[in-house]
Protein backbone atom coordinates (compact mmCIF):
# COMPACT_ATOMS: atom_id res chain seq x y z
CA UNK A 1 0.06 -0.02 0.03
CA UNK A 2 1.11 3.48 -0.62
CA UNK A 3 1.98 5.52 2.52
CA UNK A 4 1.19 9.08 2.66
CA UNK A 5 3.10 11.99 4.22
CA UNK A 6 1.76 14.73 6.64
CA UNK A 7 2.97 18.34 6.52
CA UNK A 8 5.35 18.60 9.42
CA UNK A 9 8.55 20.41 10.41
CA UNK A 10 11.19 20.40 7.72
CA UNK A 11 14.18 21.32 9.75
CA UNK A 12 16.22 18.69 11.60
CA UNK A 13 16.27 20.96 14.73
CA UNK A 14 17.84 19.64 18.00
CA UNK A 15 15.38 18.43 20.64
CA UNK A 16 15.53 19.35 24.40
CA UNK A 17 18.63 17.70 25.87
CA UNK A 18 20.38 17.49 22.44
CA UNK A 19 23.05 20.14 22.04
CA UNK A 20 23.35 20.27 18.34
CA UNK A 21 21.67 18.53 15.33
CA UNK A 22 21.93 14.79 15.34
CA UNK A 23 21.49 14.68 11.50
CA UNK A 24 23.96 16.62 9.46
CA UNK A 25 22.14 17.65 6.11
CA UNK A 26 23.88 16.74 2.88
CA UNK A 27 23.26 18.27 -0.51
CA UNK A 28 21.48 15.52 -2.68
CA UNK A 29 21.09 17.57 -6.04
CA UNK A 30 17.44 16.57 -6.25
CA UNK A 31 14.07 17.57 -5.00
CA UNK A 32 12.57 14.05 -5.47
CA UNK A 33 10.86 12.31 -2.57
CA UNK A 34 13.35 9.74 -1.30
CA UNK A 35 12.24 6.53 0.51
CA UNK A 36 15.12 4.12 -0.57
CA UNK A 37 18.44 4.19 1.18
CA UNK A 38 21.18 1.52 1.82
CA UNK A 39 24.44 2.06 3.26
CA UNK A 40 26.96 -0.60 2.17
CA UNK A 41 29.80 0.37 4.44
CA UNK A 42 29.17 4.03 5.65
CA UNK A 43 31.21 5.40 2.69
CA UNK A 44 29.36 3.96 -0.22
CA UNK A 45 25.48 4.25 -0.20
CA UNK A 46 22.63 4.24 -2.64
CA UNK A 47 19.40 6.16 -2.37
CA UNK A 48 16.10 6.21 -4.52
CA UNK A 49 12.83 7.93 -4.85
CA UNK A 50 10.16 9.59 -7.01
CA UNK A 51 10.52 10.52 -10.72
CA UNK A 52 12.83 7.57 -11.46
CA UNK A 53 15.45 8.97 -9.14
CA UNK A 54 18.44 6.83 -8.07
CA UNK A 55 21.53 8.39 -6.35
CA UNK A 56 24.89 7.14 -5.18
CA UNK A 57 27.78 8.37 -3.05
CA UNK A 58 31.24 6.77 -2.69
CA UNK A 59 32.57 9.40 -0.29
CA UNK A 60 30.32 9.15 2.58
CA UNK A 61 27.80 11.60 1.39
CA UNK A 62 30.04 14.54 0.62
CA UNK A 63 28.87 14.20 -2.98
CA UNK A 64 25.79 12.44 -4.32
CA UNK A 65 25.66 11.68 -8.08
CA UNK A 66 22.57 11.13 -9.98
CA UNK A 67 22.33 7.78 -11.80
CA UNK A 68 20.77 7.12 -15.21
CA UNK A 69 17.04 6.59 -15.03
CA UNK A 70 15.99 2.92 -15.31
CA UNK A 71 13.97 2.80 -18.50
CA UNK A 72 14.56 6.41 -19.00
CA UNK A 73 13.69 6.30 -22.69
CA UNK A 74 10.34 4.89 -21.83
CA UNK A 75 8.45 5.61 -18.69
CA UNK A 76 11.20 5.54 -16.12
CA UNK A 77 10.75 9.07 -14.97
CA UNK A 78 7.31 8.27 -13.85
CA UNK A 79 8.31 5.50 -11.45
CA UNK A 80 8.61 5.69 -7.74
CA UNK A 81 11.59 3.78 -6.38
CA UNK A 82 10.82 3.04 -2.73
CA UNK A 83 13.47 0.51 -2.19
CA UNK A 84 17.07 -0.10 -3.07
CA UNK A 85 19.46 -2.90 -2.09
CA UNK A 86 23.23 -2.69 -3.10
CA UNK A 87 26.43 -4.75 -2.59
CA UNK A 88 29.20 -2.68 -3.99
CA UNK A 89 29.90 0.30 -6.26
CA UNK A 90 28.57 -1.36 -9.33
CA UNK A 91 25.78 -3.63 -8.32
CA UNK A 92 22.35 -2.55 -6.97
CA UNK A 93 18.68 -3.54 -7.43
CA UNK A 94 15.89 -0.82 -7.11
CA UNK A 95 12.17 -1.53 -6.40
CA UNK A 96 9.54 0.47 -7.91
CA UNK A 97 6.24 0.75 -6.11
CA UNK A 98 3.05 1.64 -7.90
CA UNK A 99 -0.30 0.19 -9.10
CA UNK A 100 -0.14 -2.59 -11.77
CA UNK A 101 2.75 -2.55 -14.07
CA UNK A 102 4.33 0.47 -12.14
CA UNK A 103 5.70 -2.13 -9.67
CA UNK A 104 9.00 -3.40 -10.93
CA UNK A 105 12.60 -4.52 -10.08
CA UNK A 106 15.63 -3.21 -11.94
CA UNK A 107 19.18 -4.15 -11.67
CA UNK A 108 22.62 -2.53 -12.50
CA UNK A 109 26.01 -4.12 -12.57
CA UNK A 110 28.04 -1.17 -14.02
CA UNK A 111 27.54 1.52 -11.41
CA UNK A 112 24.08 2.63 -12.51
CA UNK A 113 25.12 3.65 -15.93
CA UNK A 114 22.60 1.10 -17.49
CA UNK A 115 19.72 -0.99 -16.00
CA UNK A 116 18.15 -4.36 -16.67
CA UNK A 117 14.47 -4.96 -15.91
CA UNK A 118 14.32 -8.07 -13.65
CA UNK A 119 10.76 -8.48 -12.76
CA UNK A 120 7.46 -6.61 -13.39
CA UNK A 121 4.38 -7.11 -11.36
CA UNK A 122 2.60 -10.20 -12.80
CA UNK A 123 -0.75 -9.15 -11.36
CA UNK A 124 -1.30 -6.14 -13.52
CA UNK A 125 -3.68 -4.19 -13.36
CA UNK A 126 -3.76 -5.17 -9.72
CA UNK A 127 -1.08 -5.57 -7.09
CA UNK A 128 1.50 -3.15 -5.52
CA UNK A 129 5.09 -3.96 -4.51
CA UNK A 130 5.81 -2.85 -0.92
CA UNK A 131 9.16 -4.21 0.27
CA UNK A 132 12.10 -6.19 -1.19
CA UNK A 133 14.78 -7.95 0.84
CA UNK A 134 17.86 -9.66 -0.82
CA UNK A 135 20.79 -11.11 1.13
CA UNK A 136 24.21 -9.74 0.62
CA UNK A 137 25.61 -11.56 -2.50
CA UNK A 138 28.59 -13.76 -1.77
CA UNK A 139 29.64 -13.94 -5.54
CA UNK A 140 31.44 -17.22 -5.03
CA UNK A 141 28.78 -19.27 -6.88
CA UNK A 142 27.57 -16.70 -9.43
CA UNK A 143 23.94 -17.39 -10.46
CA UNK A 144 23.80 -20.36 -8.05
CA UNK A 145 23.12 -18.16 -5.01
CA UNK A 146 21.35 -15.03 -4.16
CA UNK A 147 18.30 -15.35 -1.88
CA UNK A 148 15.56 -12.78 -1.71
CA UNK A 149 11.97 -12.07 -0.90
CA UNK A 150 9.51 -9.58 -2.35
CA UNK A 151 6.28 -8.48 -0.62
CA UNK A 152 3.21 -6.91 -2.24
CA UNK A 153 -0.36 -5.95 -1.54
CA UNK A 154 -3.01 -8.70 -1.58
CA UNK A 155 -4.37 -9.91 -4.84
CA UNK A 156 -7.62 -11.86 -4.77
CA UNK A 157 -7.47 -11.97 -0.99
CA UNK A 158 -3.89 -13.33 -0.72
CA UNK A 159 -0.67 -11.44 -0.02
CA UNK A 160 1.68 -11.37 -2.89
CA UNK A 161 5.09 -12.99 -1.77
CA UNK A 162 7.82 -13.88 -4.23
CA UNK A 163 11.07 -15.64 -3.76
CA UNK A 164 14.29 -15.67 -5.67
CA UNK A 165 17.37 -17.82 -5.21
CA UNK A 166 19.52 -16.48 -8.09
CA UNK A 167 19.93 -12.68 -7.07
CA UNK A 168 16.58 -11.47 -8.49
CA UNK A 169 16.80 -12.77 -12.12
CA UNK A 170 13.88 -15.27 -11.57
CA UNK A 171 11.10 -15.18 -8.97
CA UNK A 172 8.48 -17.66 -7.89
CA UNK A 173 5.24 -16.93 -6.07
CA UNK A 174 4.68 -18.51 -2.63
CA UNK A 175 1.20 -19.58 -1.58
CA UNK A 176 0.10 -20.51 1.95
CA UNK A 177 -3.19 -20.16 3.99
CA UNK A 178 -1.21 -17.69 6.14
CA UNK A 179 -1.06 -15.15 3.28
CA UNK A 180 -4.84 -14.83 3.06
CA UNK A 181 -5.33 -11.27 4.34
CA UNK A 182 -7.50 -8.29 4.19
CA UNK A 183 -4.66 -6.13 5.38
CA UNK A 184 -1.56 -5.23 3.55
CA UNK A 185 2.03 -3.88 3.97
CA UNK A 186 3.08 -0.18 3.73
CA UNK A 187 5.60 0.79 0.95
CA UNK A 188 7.05 3.59 3.37
CA UNK A 189 10.61 2.71 3.65
CA UNK A 190 11.44 -0.84 2.19
CA UNK A 191 11.34 -1.96 5.90
CA UNK A 192 8.36 -4.54 5.79
CA UNK A 193 10.73 -7.61 5.34
CA UNK A 194 13.75 -8.66 7.35
CA UNK A 195 15.66 -11.91 7.62
CA UNK A 196 17.73 -13.62 10.23
CA UNK A 197 19.42 -16.63 8.58
CA UNK A 198 16.71 -19.08 7.73
CA UNK A 199 13.97 -17.05 9.43
CA UNK A 200 12.21 -14.18 7.68
CA UNK A 201 9.62 -11.68 9.18
CA UNK A 202 6.98 -9.73 7.32
CA UNK A 203 4.97 -6.96 9.07
CA UNK A 204 1.50 -6.50 7.92
CA UNK A 205 -1.04 -3.79 8.83
CA UNK A 206 -4.69 -3.81 8.81
CA UNK A 207 -8.03 -2.41 10.07
CA UNK A 208 -8.33 -4.96 12.79
CA UNK A 209 -4.68 -5.76 14.00
CA UNK A 210 -1.04 -5.58 12.97
CA UNK A 211 0.91 -8.92 12.60
CA UNK A 212 4.27 -10.49 11.94
CA UNK A 213 4.14 -13.30 9.55
CA UNK A 214 7.22 -15.58 10.09
CA UNK A 215 8.65 -17.71 7.29
CA UNK A 216 11.00 -20.42 8.32
CA UNK A 217 13.20 -22.27 5.84
CA UNK A 218 14.75 -25.83 6.07
CA UNK A 219 17.12 -26.65 3.28
CA UNK A 220 19.64 -24.86 1.16
CA UNK A 221 17.38 -21.62 0.77
CA UNK A 222 20.45 -19.52 -0.06
CA UNK A 223 21.56 -21.74 -3.03
CA UNK A 224 20.08 -21.87 -6.31
CA UNK A 225 20.99 -25.73 -6.60
CA UNK A 226 17.59 -27.13 -7.45
CA UNK A 227 17.21 -28.70 -3.93
CA UNK A 228 13.85 -28.95 -2.20
CA UNK A 229 12.98 -26.46 0.46
CA UNK A 230 10.56 -26.78 3.32
CA UNK A 231 8.57 -23.62 4.17
CA UNK A 232 6.72 -23.04 7.52
CA UNK A 233 4.69 -20.05 8.31
CA UNK A 234 3.52 -18.67 11.64
CA UNK A 235 1.90 -15.53 12.98
CA UNK A 236 2.24 -13.21 15.95
CA UNK A 237 0.02 -10.28 16.84
CA UNK A 238 1.81 -6.87 17.18
CA UNK A 239 0.67 -4.47 19.79
CA UNK A 240 0.84 -1.44 17.36
CA UNK A 241 -1.65 0.88 16.00
CA UNK A 242 -4.56 -0.35 13.90
CA UNK A 243 -8.24 0.34 13.09
CA UNK A 244 -7.80 2.41 9.91
CA UNK A 245 -6.25 1.96 6.42
CA UNK A 246 -3.56 4.55 7.41
CA UNK A 247 -2.46 2.70 10.68
CA UNK A 248 -0.47 -0.37 11.33
CA UNK A 249 3.05 -1.82 11.44
CA UNK A 250 5.46 -0.14 8.94
CA UNK A 251 8.94 -1.58 9.61
CA UNK A 252 10.75 -4.33 11.37
CA UNK A 253 14.43 -4.97 12.20
CA UNK A 254 16.55 -7.36 13.96
CA UNK A 255 19.84 -7.56 16.10
CA UNK A 256 21.88 -10.53 17.35
CA UNK A 257 23.92 -10.13 20.43
CA UNK A 258 26.70 -12.66 21.12
CA UNK A 259 27.81 -13.16 24.70
CA UNK A 260 31.38 -14.26 25.28
CA UNK A 261 33.45 -15.81 28.03
CA UNK A 262 36.85 -14.50 28.93
CA UNK A 263 37.99 -14.39 25.28
CA UNK A 264 36.23 -13.96 21.94
CA UNK A 265 36.76 -17.59 21.18
CA UNK A 266 34.37 -18.59 24.03
CA UNK A 267 31.02 -17.78 22.60
CA UNK A 268 28.41 -18.58 25.29
CA UNK A 269 25.11 -17.72 23.65
CA UNK A 270 23.10 -15.63 21.26
CA UNK A 271 20.40 -13.14 22.08
CA UNK A 272 17.91 -12.29 19.16
CA UNK A 273 16.23 -8.83 19.65
CA UNK A 274 13.64 -7.41 17.33
CA UNK A 275 11.89 -3.98 17.16
CA UNK A 276 8.75 -3.15 15.02
CA UNK A 277 7.50 0.38 14.40
CA UNK A 278 4.45 1.99 12.89
CA UNK A 279 1.54 3.99 14.04
CA UNK A 280 -0.94 6.07 11.95
CA UNK A 281 0.63 8.22 9.20
CA UNK A 282 -2.53 10.32 9.11
CA UNK A 283 -1.79 11.32 12.69
CA UNK A 284 1.95 11.84 12.64
CA UNK A 285 2.09 13.28 16.13
CA UNK A 286 0.26 10.51 17.83
CA UNK A 287 2.69 8.40 19.84
CA UNK A 288 0.26 5.57 20.74
CA UNK A 289 1.04 2.19 19.24
CA UNK A 290 4.22 3.40 17.45
CA UNK A 291 6.68 0.75 18.65
CA UNK A 292 6.93 -2.80 19.98
CA UNK A 293 9.83 -5.01 20.86
CA UNK A 294 10.82 -8.76 21.34
CA UNK A 295 13.70 -9.96 23.35
CA UNK A 296 13.22 -13.64 22.55
CA UNK A 297 13.57 -13.52 18.85
CA UNK A 298 9.98 -12.80 18.02
CA UNK A 299 8.17 -15.20 20.24
CA UNK A 300 6.59 -12.53 22.50
CA UNK A 301 6.06 -8.91 21.55
CA UNK A 302 5.61 -6.08 24.17
CA UNK A 303 4.59 -2.43 23.74
CA UNK A 304 7.21 0.09 24.35
CA UNK A 305 6.85 1.60 27.84
CA UNK A 306 7.94 5.04 26.54
CA UNK A 307 7.21 5.11 22.69
CA UNK A 308 8.70 7.28 19.97
CA UNK A 309 7.04 10.77 19.80
CA UNK A 310 5.05 9.94 16.72
CA UNK A 311 4.35 7.78 13.74
CA UNK A 312 7.37 5.82 12.63
CA UNK A 313 8.11 4.21 9.16
CA UNK A 314 11.79 2.94 9.68
CA UNK A 315 13.95 1.39 12.31
CA UNK A 316 17.41 -0.04 12.58
CA UNK A 317 20.03 -1.20 15.07
CA UNK A 318 23.30 0.85 15.05
CA UNK A 319 26.22 -1.22 15.84
CA UNK A 320 28.62 1.56 16.28
CA UNK A 321 26.42 3.30 18.71
CA UNK A 322 24.95 0.34 20.43
CA UNK A 323 21.40 1.68 20.15
CA UNK A 324 18.30 1.53 17.94
CA UNK A 325 17.00 4.47 15.93
CA UNK A 326 13.64 4.95 14.38
CA UNK A 327 12.21 7.91 12.34
CA UNK A 328 9.11 9.14 10.64
CA UNK A 329 7.48 12.22 9.38
CA UNK A 330 7.74 14.26 12.62
CA UNK A 331 11.28 13.19 13.68
CA UNK A 332 13.44 10.50 15.03
CA UNK A 333 14.07 8.66 18.34
CA UNK A 334 16.80 6.50 20.02
CA UNK A 335 16.46 3.53 22.29
CA UNK A 336 19.37 2.01 24.29
CA UNK A 337 17.32 -0.75 26.03
CA UNK A 338 16.26 -2.84 22.98
CA UNK A 339 13.02 -0.88 22.32
CA UNK A 340 11.61 -0.62 25.67
CA UNK A 341 11.99 3.21 25.97
CA UNK A 342 12.72 5.83 23.40
CA UNK A 343 14.23 9.39 23.62
CA UNK A 344 13.49 12.05 20.86
CA UNK A 345 16.37 13.15 18.75
CA UNK A 346 14.85 15.71 16.21
CA UNK A 347 11.67 16.86 14.63
CA UNK A 348 12.63 16.66 10.99
CA UNK A 349 10.59 14.91 8.13
CA UNK A 350 12.03 11.53 7.35
CA UNK A 351 10.99 8.40 5.46
CA UNK A 352 13.72 5.75 5.82
CA UNK A 353 17.22 5.14 7.33
CA UNK A 354 20.22 2.89 6.71
CA UNK A 355 22.74 4.09 9.26
CA UNK A 356 24.54 6.36 8.99
CA UNK A 357 22.20 7.88 6.47
CA UNK A 358 18.48 8.95 6.55
CA UNK A 359 16.31 10.25 3.77
CA UNK A 360 12.99 12.15 3.36
CA UNK A 361 10.82 14.20 1.06
CA UNK A 362 12.09 16.92 -1.31
CA UNK A 363 15.68 15.40 -1.61
CA UNK A 364 16.38 15.36 1.97
CA UNK A 365 19.46 13.37 2.94
CA UNK A 366 21.42 13.64 6.15
CA UNK A 367 24.19 11.66 7.96
CA UNK A 368 24.17 10.71 11.64
CA UNK A 369 26.39 12.93 13.86
CA UNK A 370 27.09 10.29 16.56
CA UNK A 371 28.92 12.83 18.66
CA UNK A 372 25.57 14.76 19.23
CA UNK A 373 23.59 11.85 20.46
CA UNK A 374 22.28 12.20 24.09
CA UNK A 375 24.13 10.23 26.68
CA UNK A 376 22.42 7.30 28.45
């Protein structure tokens, strides 16, 4: 589903207790609405948005260059690229979200000089792509690897879920009773699908409730070797906003903490933490039902005791800052206790983040200023 934006503050002003802006604005060179962002290593990053816009930086955001428009000689300038995945300076996949044939996937392997159409919505005139997730390519087996999932709105009462095992060149549709739904996902930040090894989570909103659909794999899911796969679905209710078409779960992310003994060679155990965010984009300043967290890998979900200060469309764990950051159209927040409580960072207008970068409407791109983060 398309996600709207409310008119809110445009400047990333510092919040009480924050001495200077947490987000340092960068010159994107575009006025397009940006919803796609992926940071490969903090220096190399790709961004995407409306009007066929794809951007790339190789110097940490000091300079953003405009890529060739996919299908620019046809209707590429009318496409809204709400998701981008990238692995290096040359290779990236962008997801266009739109009704019918306006939902597509394109891939570049030459640093965005040219693009190849990988996949077009097979349900035209129905359907709408919401979120794409592809594992980082290993490149040791070529076309024999490259797992990914694509989530779209329901068609004929069933969520559209597609799977690739060759890096996006070929996709198959998945069917299961769990995919029958009156609700749908939100194409707000490309954050509706996230994976943890053989486990993948999808966040779905709806008029009655928000849920996490979990897909567990058994078999060589990461290889395109023709082997059989076993897929098992389950569902968990999320304590997030619901009740209207503009409310629900918008993004999910995960983090694994490894506990060690006296040395790094003595791994004692793993802790799987997850955070889901959302709210009602028609009520950007309403903080009720905007965040939930799980400390047992998604088995039990709890409402944040002190939620973010408004609707949120994106969330991510920051390894270098040892904290979670979430953002939406009225600002951003930080959590240092795995999503239980959140502290405001700014009141800017944002759509998506891939740390250290964050993007928003009218070409807004900024980089995290970690030194300005509030102390614990």
